[in-house]
Amino acid sequence: MDKATLFGIVGALGFIVVANVLEGGNPMSLFSIPAMILVIGGTIGAAVAGGTMSDTKAAVGGAKRAFTWKPQPAGDLVPVIVELAGKARREGLLTLEDAVGKVDDDFLKRGVSLAVDGTDPEELREIMECELVAKKASDKHAAKFFADMGGYAPTIGIIGTVMGLVHVLENLSQPDKLGHLIAGAFIATLWGVMTANVVFLPIGNRLGRLSQIEVSRMEMVIEGVLAVQAGANPRAVQQRLTSLLPVDERESEQKAA
């Protein structure tokens, strides 16, 4: 589990509360149930209205994934692919049928299985790249849902503030209540801006980043499977796959090699 998103959001909210206390404010004054219901509920409703129910379901899964999923470095698969390449070169491609059952990565497993079945290299690349495109599209929808929420939240917060100011104008005959009512009116704007920039947009960016990591891993797998199918030299396979890794992973892989 990668806790970056959880730590980041909790930390940002904590700093906001600390800053409020240092300015002499009362943290409880930041909490307004009506404002929270309006901003959070209205934002979710607007985002749902802008997509489909399948997008909403994907977003729910994406939110869970943003907090709990730990990215798997692409470099972890380099030794696995190199081993498969060596076995295929020594004993033939068909001998990988038993070895593929021990592979943990599903995408790699499907690719090697297609290669063992005798799929044409061009067709094999096309099949795997189609799956890659579908993965990108699915991830994009989930990330866009939260990006949209980040755009809606501040505006809905302003709606809440306007509603509060209308209530203020209704009570001009009671000056002693105006200060409290005006302060309460601006809480909705606070929640709109805060949830957008501390919660919704970071989750959307997190999902986009996770997608980039997974896509890079899948792209490396495609090149590895095609190299295994072509009977390439294991050392050449290792050098090619290592060159596709991010700089930090590449250095670690070179040291391990």
C-alpha atoms as a PDB file:
ATOM      1  CA  MET A   1       0.000   0.000   0.000  1.00  0.00           C
ATOM      2  CA  ASP A   2       1.393   3.378  -1.063  1.00  0.00           C
ATOM      3  CA  LYS A   3       0.328   5.920   1.571  1.00  0.00           C
ATOM      4  CA  ALA A   4       1.374   9.069  -0.302  1.00  0.00           C
ATOM      5  CA  THR A   5      -2.191  10.163  -1.081  1.00  0.00           C
ATOM      6  CA  LEU A   6      -3.473   9.507   2.446  1.00  0.00           C
ATOM      7  CA  PHE A   7      -0.533  11.267   4.086  1.00  0.00           C
ATOM      8  CA  GLY A   8      -0.734  14.177   1.660  1.00  0.00           C
ATOM      9  CA  ILE A   9      -4.447  14.854   2.117  1.00  0.00           C
ATOM     10  CA  VAL A  10      -4.402  14.396   5.893  1.00  0.00           C
ATOM     11  CA  GLY A  11      -1.283  16.535   6.138  1.00  0.00           C
ATOM     12  CA  ALA A  12      -2.764  19.348   4.049  1.00  0.00           C
ATOM     13  CA  LEU A  13      -5.964  19.382   6.101  1.00  0.00           C
ATOM     14  CA  GLY A  14      -3.892  19.350   9.273  1.00  0.00           C
ATOM     15  CA  PHE A  15      -1.877  22.378   8.178  1.00  0.00           C
ATOM     16  CA  ILE A  16      -5.096  24.246   7.377  1.00  0.00           C
ATOM     17  CA  VAL A  17      -6.428  23.578  10.882  1.00  0.00           C
ATOM     18  CA  VAL A  18      -3.090  24.542  12.479  1.00  0.00           C
ATOM     19  CA  ALA A  19      -2.994  27.798  10.505  1.00  0.00           C
ATOM     20  CA  ASN A  20      -6.525  28.588  11.649  1.00  0.00           C
ATOM     21  CA  VAL A  21      -5.581  27.992  15.288  1.00  0.00           C
ATOM     22  CA  LEU A  22      -2.439  30.142  14.997  1.00  0.00           C
ATOM     23  CA  GLU A  23      -4.583  32.982  13.717  1.00  0.00           C
ATOM     24  CA  GLY A  24      -6.745  32.688  16.813  1.00  0.00           C
ATOM     25  CA  GLY A  25      -9.629  30.882  15.171  1.00  0.00           C
ATOM     26  CA  ASN A  26     -11.689  28.024  16.479  1.00  0.00           C
ATOM     27  CA  PRO A  27     -11.280  24.844  14.360  1.00  0.00           C
ATOM     28  CA  MET A  28     -14.910  23.929  14.975  1.00  0.00           C
ATOM     29  CA  SER A  29     -15.947  27.124  13.215  1.00  0.00           C
ATOM     30  CA  LEU A  30     -14.688  25.591   9.966  1.00  0.00           C
ATOM     31  CA  PHE A  31     -17.188  22.764  10.182  1.00  0.00           C
ATOM     32  CA  SER A  32     -20.665  23.466   8.935  1.00  0.00           C
ATOM     33  CA  ILE A  33     -22.856  20.475   8.180  1.00  0.00           C
ATOM     34  CA  PRO A  34     -25.110  22.338   5.696  1.00  0.00           C
ATOM     35  CA  ALA A  35     -22.088  23.707   3.825  1.00  0.00           C
ATOM     36  CA  MET A  36     -20.414  20.297   3.716  1.00  0.00           C
ATOM     37  CA  ILE A  37     -23.580  18.606   2.466  1.00  0.00           C
ATOM     38  CA  LEU A  38     -24.071  21.259  -0.212  1.00  0.00           C
ATOM     39  CA  VAL A  39     -20.485  21.231  -1.490  1.00  0.00           C
ATOM     40  CA  ILE A  40     -19.728  17.514  -1.333  1.00  0.00           C
ATOM     41  CA  GLY A  41     -23.177  16.323  -2.362  1.00  0.00           C
ATOM     42  CA  GLY A  42     -23.596  18.955  -5.064  1.00  0.00           C
ATOM     43  CA  THR A  43     -20.137  18.273  -6.479  1.00  0.00           C
ATOM     44  CA  ILE A  44     -20.702  14.524  -6.659  1.00  0.00           C
ATOM     45  CA  GLY A  45     -24.100  15.074  -8.275  1.00  0.00           C
ATOM     46  CA  ALA A  46     -22.659  17.430 -10.906  1.00  0.00           C
ATOM     47  CA  ALA A  47     -19.855  14.993 -11.726  1.00  0.00           C
ATOM     48  CA  VAL A  48     -22.281  12.083 -12.041  1.00  0.00           C
ATOM     49  CA  ALA A  49     -24.517  14.172 -14.301  1.00  0.00           C
ATOM     50  CA  GLY A  50     -21.562  14.877 -16.606  1.00  0.00           C
ATOM     51  CA  GLY A  51     -20.804  11.216 -17.296  1.00  0.00           C
ATOM     52  CA  THR A  52     -22.343   7.775 -17.277  1.00  0.00           C
ATOM     53  CA  MET A  53     -23.083   5.369 -14.458  1.00  0.00           C
ATOM     54  CA  SER A  54     -20.168   3.219 -15.586  1.00  0.00           C
ATOM     55  CA  ASP A  55     -17.923   6.284 -15.171  1.00  0.00           C
ATOM     56  CA  THR A  56     -19.254   6.721 -11.647  1.00  0.00           C
ATOM     57  CA  LYS A  57     -18.559   3.094 -10.787  1.00  0.00           C
ATOM     58  CA  ALA A  58     -15.063   3.419 -12.236  1.00  0.00           C
ATOM     59  CA  ALA A  59     -14.511   6.538 -10.130  1.00  0.00           C
ATOM     60  CA  VAL A  60     -15.532   4.723  -6.938  1.00  0.00           C
ATOM     61  CA  GLY A  61     -13.041   1.979  -7.714  1.00  0.00           C
ATOM     62  CA  GLY A  62     -10.478   4.600  -8.669  1.00  0.00           C
ATOM     63  CA  ALA A  63     -10.841   6.389  -5.327  1.00  0.00           C
ATOM     64  CA  LYS A  64     -10.153   3.145  -3.477  1.00  0.00           C
ATOM     65  CA  ARG A  65      -7.232   2.434  -5.779  1.00  0.00           C
ATOM     66  CA  ALA A  66      -5.762   5.895  -5.232  1.00  0.00           C
ATOM     67  CA  PHE A  67      -5.502   5.279  -1.497  1.00  0.00           C
ATOM     68  CA  THR A  68      -4.599   1.589  -1.409  1.00  0.00           C
ATOM     69  CA  TRP A  69      -2.797   0.578  -4.611  1.00  0.00           C
ATOM     70  CA  LYS A  70       0.963   0.310  -4.555  1.00  0.00           C
ATOM     71  CA  PRO A  71       2.620   0.769  -7.963  1.00  0.00           C
ATOM     72  CA  GLN A  72       4.665  -2.190  -9.145  1.00  0.00           C
ATOM     73  CA  PRO A  73       8.027  -1.105 -10.619  1.00  0.00           C
ATOM     74  CA  ALA A  74       8.504  -2.220 -14.209  1.00  0.00           C
ATOM     75  CA  GLY A  75      12.039  -3.286 -13.315  1.00  0.00           C
ATOM     76  CA  ASP A  76      10.657  -6.233 -11.336  1.00  0.00           C
ATOM     77  CA  LEU A  77       9.684  -7.913 -14.602  1.00  0.00           C
ATOM     78  CA  VAL A  78      13.055  -7.561 -16.344  1.00  0.00           C
ATOM     79  CA  PRO A  79      14.619 -10.672 -14.716  1.00  0.00           C
ATOM     80  CA  VAL A  80      11.432 -12.650 -15.404  1.00  0.00           C
ATOM     81  CA  ILE A  81      11.394 -11.745 -19.091  1.00  0.00           C
ATOM     82  CA  VAL A  82      15.138 -12.337 -19.444  1.00  0.00           C
ATOM     83  CA  GLU A  83      14.705 -15.795 -17.912  1.00  0.00           C
ATOM     84  CA  LEU A  84      11.891 -16.563 -20.347  1.00  0.00           C
ATOM     85  CA  ALA A  85      14.045 -15.358 -23.229  1.00  0.00           C
ATOM     86  CA  GLY A  86      16.899 -17.636 -22.159  1.00  0.00           C
ATOM     87  CA  LYS A  87      14.609 -20.637 -21.838  1.00  0.00           C
ATOM     88  CA  ALA A  88      13.009 -19.972 -25.226  1.00  0.00           C
ATOM     89  CA  ARG A  89      16.411 -19.593 -26.884  1.00  0.00           C
ATOM     90  CA  ARG A  90      17.789 -22.802 -25.365  1.00  0.00           C
ATOM     91  CA  GLU A  91      14.777 -25.087 -25.447  1.00  0.00           C
ATOM     92  CA  GLY A  92      12.352 -23.503 -27.872  1.00  0.00           C
ATOM     93  CA  LEU A  93       9.317 -21.250 -27.548  1.00  0.00           C
ATOM     94  CA  LEU A  94       6.899 -24.088 -26.835  1.00  0.00           C
ATOM     95  CA  THR A  95       8.716 -24.925 -23.597  1.00  0.00           C
ATOM     96  CA  LEU A  96       7.405 -21.675 -22.128  1.00  0.00           C
ATOM     97  CA  GLU A  97       3.927 -23.156 -21.847  1.00  0.00           C
ATOM     98  CA  ASP A  98       4.751 -24.575 -18.425  1.00  0.00           C
ATOM     99  CA  ALA A  99       6.872 -21.633 -17.307  1.00  0.00           C
ATOM    100  CA  VAL A 100       4.152 -19.073 -18.038  1.00  0.00           C
ATOM    101  CA  GLY A 101       2.012 -20.483 -15.223  1.00  0.00           C
ATOM    102  CA  LYS A 102       4.565 -19.201 -12.710  1.00  0.00           C
ATOM    103  CA  VAL A 103       4.405 -15.616 -14.006  1.00  0.00           C
ATOM    104  CA  ASP A 104       2.597 -13.242 -11.636  1.00  0.00           C
ATOM    105  CA  ASP A 105       1.887 -10.438 -14.102  1.00  0.00           C
ATOM    106  CA  ASP A 106      -1.361 -11.147 -15.986  1.00  0.00           C
ATOM    107  CA  PHE A 107      -0.481  -8.978 -18.985  1.00  0.00           C
ATOM    108  CA  LEU A 108       2.867 -10.708 -19.420  1.00  0.00           C
ATOM    109  CA  LYS A 109       1.220 -14.083 -18.987  1.00  0.00           C
ATOM    110  CA  ARG A 110      -1.312 -13.367 -21.724  1.00  0.00           C
ATOM    111  CA  GLY A 111       1.382 -12.092 -24.063  1.00  0.00           C
ATOM    112  CA  VAL A 112       3.630 -15.118 -23.614  1.00  0.00           C
ATOM    113  CA  SER A 113       0.646 -17.435 -24.038  1.00  0.00           C
ATOM    114  CA  LEU A 114      -0.185 -15.774 -27.365  1.00  0.00           C
ATOM    115  CA  ALA A 115       3.439 -16.148 -28.453  1.00  0.00           C
ATOM    116  CA  VAL A 116       3.478 -19.835 -27.497  1.00  0.00           C
ATOM    117  CA  ASP A 117       0.256 -20.344 -29.474  1.00  0.00           C
ATOM    118  CA  GLY A 118       2.065 -19.206 -32.609  1.00  0.00           C
ATOM    119  CA  THR A 119       0.449 -15.791 -33.017  1.00  0.00           C
ATOM    120  CA  ASP A 120       2.018 -13.689 -35.763  1.00  0.00           C
ATOM    121  CA  PRO A 121       4.370 -11.031 -34.269  1.00  0.00           C
ATOM    122  CA  GLU A 122       2.498  -8.126 -35.887  1.00  0.00           C
ATOM    123  CA  GLU A 123      -0.832  -9.500 -34.733  1.00  0.00           C
ATOM    124  CA  LEU A 124       0.586 -10.127 -31.271  1.00  0.00           C
ATOM    125  CA  ARG A 125       1.753  -6.518 -31.002  1.00  0.00           C
ATOM    126  CA  GLU A 126      -1.615  -5.271 -32.220  1.00  0.00           C
ATOM    127  CA  ILE A 127      -3.533  -7.369 -29.676  1.00  0.00           C
ATOM    128  CA  MET A 128      -1.393  -6.235 -26.761  1.00  0.00           C
ATOM    129  CA  GLU A 129      -1.410  -2.606 -27.846  1.00  0.00           C
ATOM    130  CA  CYS A 130      -5.223  -2.690 -28.108  1.00  0.00           C
ATOM    131  CA  GLU A 131      -5.349  -3.849 -24.497  1.00  0.00           C
ATOM    132  CA  LEU A 132      -2.957  -1.030 -23.619  1.00  0.00           C
ATOM    133  CA  VAL A 133      -5.228   1.539 -25.309  1.00  0.00           C
ATOM    134  CA  ALA A 134      -8.257   0.168 -23.463  1.00  0.00           C
ATOM    135  CA  LYS A 135      -6.350   0.469 -20.185  1.00  0.00           C
ATOM    136  CA  LYS A 136      -5.476   4.105 -20.902  1.00  0.00           C
ATOM    137  CA  ALA A 137      -9.095   4.940 -21.735  1.00  0.00           C
ATOM    138  CA  SER A 138     -10.422   3.300 -18.566  1.00  0.00           C
ATOM    139  CA  ASP A 139      -7.928   5.090 -16.349  1.00  0.00           C
ATOM    140  CA  LYS A 140      -8.594   8.396 -18.085  1.00  0.00           C
ATOM    141  CA  HIS A 141     -12.314   8.248 -17.266  1.00  0.00           C
ATOM    142  CA  ALA A 142     -11.674   7.693 -13.559  1.00  0.00           C
ATOM    143  CA  ALA A 143      -9.099  10.496 -13.372  1.00  0.00           C
ATOM    144  CA  LYS A 144     -11.354  12.870 -15.320  1.00  0.00           C
ATOM    145  CA  PHE A 145     -14.227  12.260 -12.897  1.00  0.00           C
ATOM    146  CA  PHE A 146     -12.177  13.660 -10.005  1.00  0.00           C
ATOM    147  CA  ALA A 147     -10.732  16.443 -12.148  1.00  0.00           C
ATOM    148  CA  ASP A 148     -14.302  17.474 -12.970  1.00  0.00           C
ATOM    149  CA  MET A 149     -15.184  17.419  -9.275  1.00  0.00           C
ATOM    150  CA  GLY A 150     -12.225  19.698  -8.647  1.00  0.00           C
ATOM    151  CA  GLY A 151     -13.690  22.138 -11.142  1.00  0.00           C
ATOM    152  CA  TYR A 152     -17.257  21.993  -9.824  1.00  0.00           C
ATOM    153  CA  ALA A 153     -16.531  22.233  -6.086  1.00  0.00           C
ATOM    154  CA  PRO A 154     -15.425  25.907  -5.885  1.00  0.00           C
ATOM    155  CA  THR A 155     -18.412  27.071  -7.932  1.00  0.00           C
ATOM    156  CA  ILE A 156     -20.843  25.090  -5.813  1.00  0.00           C
ATOM    157  CA  GLY A 157     -19.161  26.593  -2.759  1.00  0.00           C
ATOM    158  CA  ILE A 158     -19.926  30.049  -4.152  1.00  0.00           C
ATOM    159  CA  ILE A 159     -23.552  28.992  -4.592  1.00  0.00           C
ATOM    160  CA  GLY A 160     -23.596  28.139  -0.889  1.00  0.00           C
ATOM    161  CA  THR A 161     -22.091  31.515  -0.027  1.00  0.00           C
ATOM    162  CA  VAL A 162     -24.716  33.337  -2.093  1.00  0.00           C
ATOM    163  CA  MET A 163     -27.430  31.347  -0.329  1.00  0.00           C
ATOM    164  CA  GLY A 164     -25.906  32.342   3.003  1.00  0.00           C
ATOM    165  CA  LEU A 165     -25.740  36.018   2.052  1.00  0.00           C
ATOM    166  CA  VAL A 166     -29.392  35.914   1.050  1.00  0.00           C
ATOM    167  CA  HIS A 167     -30.104  34.649   4.543  1.00  0.00           C
ATOM    168  CA  VAL A 168     -28.011  37.533   5.906  1.00  0.00           C
ATOM    169  CA  LEU A 169     -30.111  40.066   4.012  1.00  0.00           C
ATOM    170  CA  GLU A 170     -33.232  38.506   5.448  1.00  0.00           C
ATOM    171  CA  ASN A 171     -31.970  39.287   8.958  1.00  0.00           C
ATOM    172  CA  LEU A 172     -30.766  42.884   8.581  1.00  0.00           C
ATOM    173  CA  SER A 173     -33.177  43.868  11.322  1.00  0.00           C
ATOM    174  CA  GLN A 174     -31.112  41.799  13.787  1.00  0.00           C
ATOM    175  CA  PRO A 175     -27.586  43.335  13.688  1.00  0.00           C
ATOM    176  CA  ASP A 176     -26.330  41.145  16.516  1.00  0.00           C
ATOM    177  CA  LYS A 177     -26.706  38.051  14.321  1.00  0.00           C
ATOM    178  CA  LEU A 178     -25.134  39.430  11.141  1.00  0.00           C
ATOM    179  CA  GLY A 179     -21.516  38.676  12.021  1.00  0.00           C
ATOM    180  CA  HIS A 180     -22.229  35.020  12.690  1.00  0.00           C
ATOM    181  CA  LEU A 181     -24.388  34.693   9.582  1.00  0.00           C
ATOM    182  CA  ILE A 182     -21.818  36.330   7.290  1.00  0.00           C
ATOM    183  CA  ALA A 183     -19.039  34.116   8.627  1.00  0.00           C
ATOM    184  CA  GLY A 184     -21.195  31.054   8.115  1.00  0.00           C
ATOM    185  CA  ALA A 185     -21.989  32.114   4.552  1.00  0.00           C
ATOM    186  CA  PHE A 186     -18.312  32.017   3.543  1.00  0.00           C
ATOM    187  CA  ILE A 187     -17.753  28.534   5.004  1.00  0.00           C
ATOM    188  CA  ALA A 188     -19.297  27.030   1.855  1.00  0.00           C
ATOM    189  CA  THR A 189     -16.703  28.787  -0.322  1.00  0.00           C
ATOM    190  CA  LEU A 190     -13.979  27.528   1.988  1.00  0.00           C
ATOM    191  CA  TRP A 191     -15.177  23.946   1.664  1.00  0.00           C
ATOM    192  CA  GLY A 192     -15.536  24.253  -2.098  1.00  0.00           C
ATOM    193  CA  VAL A 193     -11.994  25.521  -2.620  1.00  0.00           C
ATOM    194  CA  MET A 194     -10.523  23.241   0.031  1.00  0.00           C
ATOM    195  CA  THR A 195     -12.076  19.990  -1.195  1.00  0.00           C
ATOM    196  CA  ALA A 196     -11.194  20.824  -4.799  1.00  0.00           C
ATOM    197  CA  ASN A 197      -7.521  21.526  -4.160  1.00  0.00           C
ATOM    198  CA  VAL A 198      -6.849  19.191  -1.252  1.00  0.00           C
ATOM    199  CA  VAL A 199      -8.992  16.168  -2.124  1.00  0.00           C
ATOM    200  CA  PHE A 200     -10.512  15.944  -5.609  1.00  0.00           C
ATOM    201  CA  LEU A 201      -7.708  17.285  -7.813  1.00  0.00           C
ATOM    202  CA  PRO A 202      -4.948  15.385  -5.947  1.00  0.00           C
ATOM    203  CA  ILE A 203      -6.896  12.120  -6.306  1.00  0.00           C
ATOM    204  CA  GLY A 204      -7.348  12.785 -10.021  1.00  0.00           C
ATOM    205  CA  ASN A 205      -3.635  13.490 -10.413  1.00  0.00           C
ATOM    206  CA  ARG A 206      -2.792  10.387  -8.415  1.00  0.00           C
ATOM    207  CA  LEU A 207      -4.908   8.216 -10.710  1.00  0.00           C
ATOM    208  CA  GLY A 208      -3.238   9.763 -13.730  1.00  0.00           C
ATOM    209  CA  ARG A 209       0.198   9.060 -12.289  1.00  0.00           C
ATOM    210  CA  LEU A 210      -0.670   5.460 -11.454  1.00  0.00           C
ATOM    211  CA  SER A 211      -1.922   5.011 -14.998  1.00  0.00           C
ATOM    212  CA  GLN A 212       1.382   6.325 -16.374  1.00  0.00           C
ATOM    213  CA  ILE A 213       3.320   3.822 -14.268  1.00  0.00           C
ATOM    214  CA  GLU A 214       1.153   0.904 -15.344  1.00  0.00           C
ATOM    215  CA  VAL A 215       1.210   1.922 -19.009  1.00  0.00           C
ATOM    216  CA  SER A 216       5.018   2.155 -18.960  1.00  0.00           C
ATOM    217  CA  ARG A 217       5.147  -1.312 -17.430  1.00  0.00           C
ATOM    218  CA  MET A 218       2.813  -2.688 -20.100  1.00  0.00           C
ATOM    219  CA  GLU A 219       4.827  -1.060 -22.904  1.00  0.00           C
ATOM    220  CA  MET A 220       7.955  -2.737 -21.590  1.00  0.00           C
ATOM    221  CA  VAL A 221       6.135  -6.074 -21.419  1.00  0.00           C
ATOM    222  CA  ILE A 222       5.108  -5.760 -25.079  1.00  0.00           C
ATOM    223  CA  GLU A 223       8.707  -5.228 -26.160  1.00  0.00           C
ATOM    224  CA  GLY A 224       9.850  -8.086 -23.945  1.00  0.00           C
ATOM    225  CA  VAL A 225       7.278 -10.570 -25.264  1.00  0.00           C
ATOM    226  CA  LEU A 226       8.133  -9.740 -28.870  1.00  0.00           C
ATOM    227  CA  ALA A 227      11.833 -10.182 -28.121  1.00  0.00           C
ATOM    228  CA  VAL A 228      11.162 -13.555 -26.497  1.00  0.00           C
ATOM    229  CA  GLN A 229       9.077 -14.620 -29.470  1.00  0.00           C
ATOM    230  CA  ALA A 230      11.859 -13.591 -31.873  1.00  0.00           C
ATOM    231  CA  GLY A 231      14.410 -15.683 -29.959  1.00  0.00           C
ATOM    232  CA  ALA A 232      16.577 -12.696 -29.082  1.00  0.00           C
ATOM    233  CA  ASN A 233      19.721 -13.084 -27.008  1.00  0.00           C
ATOM    234  CA  PRO A 234      18.840 -12.786 -23.280  1.00  0.00           C
ATOM    235  CA  ARG A 235      21.607 -10.240 -22.703  1.00  0.00           C
ATOM    236  CA  ALA A 236      20.289  -8.080 -25.537  1.00  0.00           C
ATOM    237  CA  VAL A 237      16.771  -8.440 -24.133  1.00  0.00           C
ATOM    238  CA  GLN A 238      17.967  -7.294 -20.730  1.00  0.00           C
ATOM    239  CA  GLN A 239      19.765  -4.263 -22.168  1.00  0.00           C
ATOM    240  CA  ARG A 240      16.757  -3.277 -24.276  1.00  0.00           C
ATOM    241  CA  LEU A 241      14.274  -3.586 -21.423  1.00  0.00           C
ATOM    242  CA  THR A 242      16.579  -1.787 -19.004  1.00  0.00           C
ATOM    243  CA  SER A 243      16.840   1.122 -21.436  1.00  0.00           C
ATOM    244  CA  LEU A 244      13.039   1.505 -21.258  1.00  0.00           C
ATOM    245  CA  LEU A 245      13.007   1.905 -17.480  1.00  0.00           C
ATOM    246  CA  PRO A 246      12.925   5.241 -15.629  1.00  0.00           C
ATOM    247  CA  VAL A 247      16.381   6.470 -14.660  1.00  0.00           C
ATOM    248  CA  ASP A 248      16.100   5.504 -10.976  1.00  0.00           C
ATOM    249  CA  GLU A 249      14.837   1.996 -11.769  1.00  0.00           C
ATOM    250  CA  ARG A 250      17.432   1.620 -14.523  1.00  0.00           C
ATOM    251  CA  GLU A 251      20.284   2.305 -12.105  1.00  0.00           C
ATOM    252  CA  SER A 252      18.888  -0.192  -9.584  1.00  0.00           C
ATOM    253  CA  GLU A 253      18.457  -2.825 -12.292  1.00  0.00           C
ATOM    254  CA  GLN A 254      22.001  -2.302 -13.576  1.00  0.00           C
ATOM    255  CA  LYS A 255      23.398  -2.695 -10.069  1.00  0.00           C
ATOM    256  CA  ALA A 256      21.390  -5.860  -9.545  1.00  0.00           C
ATOM    257  CA  ALA A 257      22.563  -7.238 -12.887  1.00  0.00           C
END
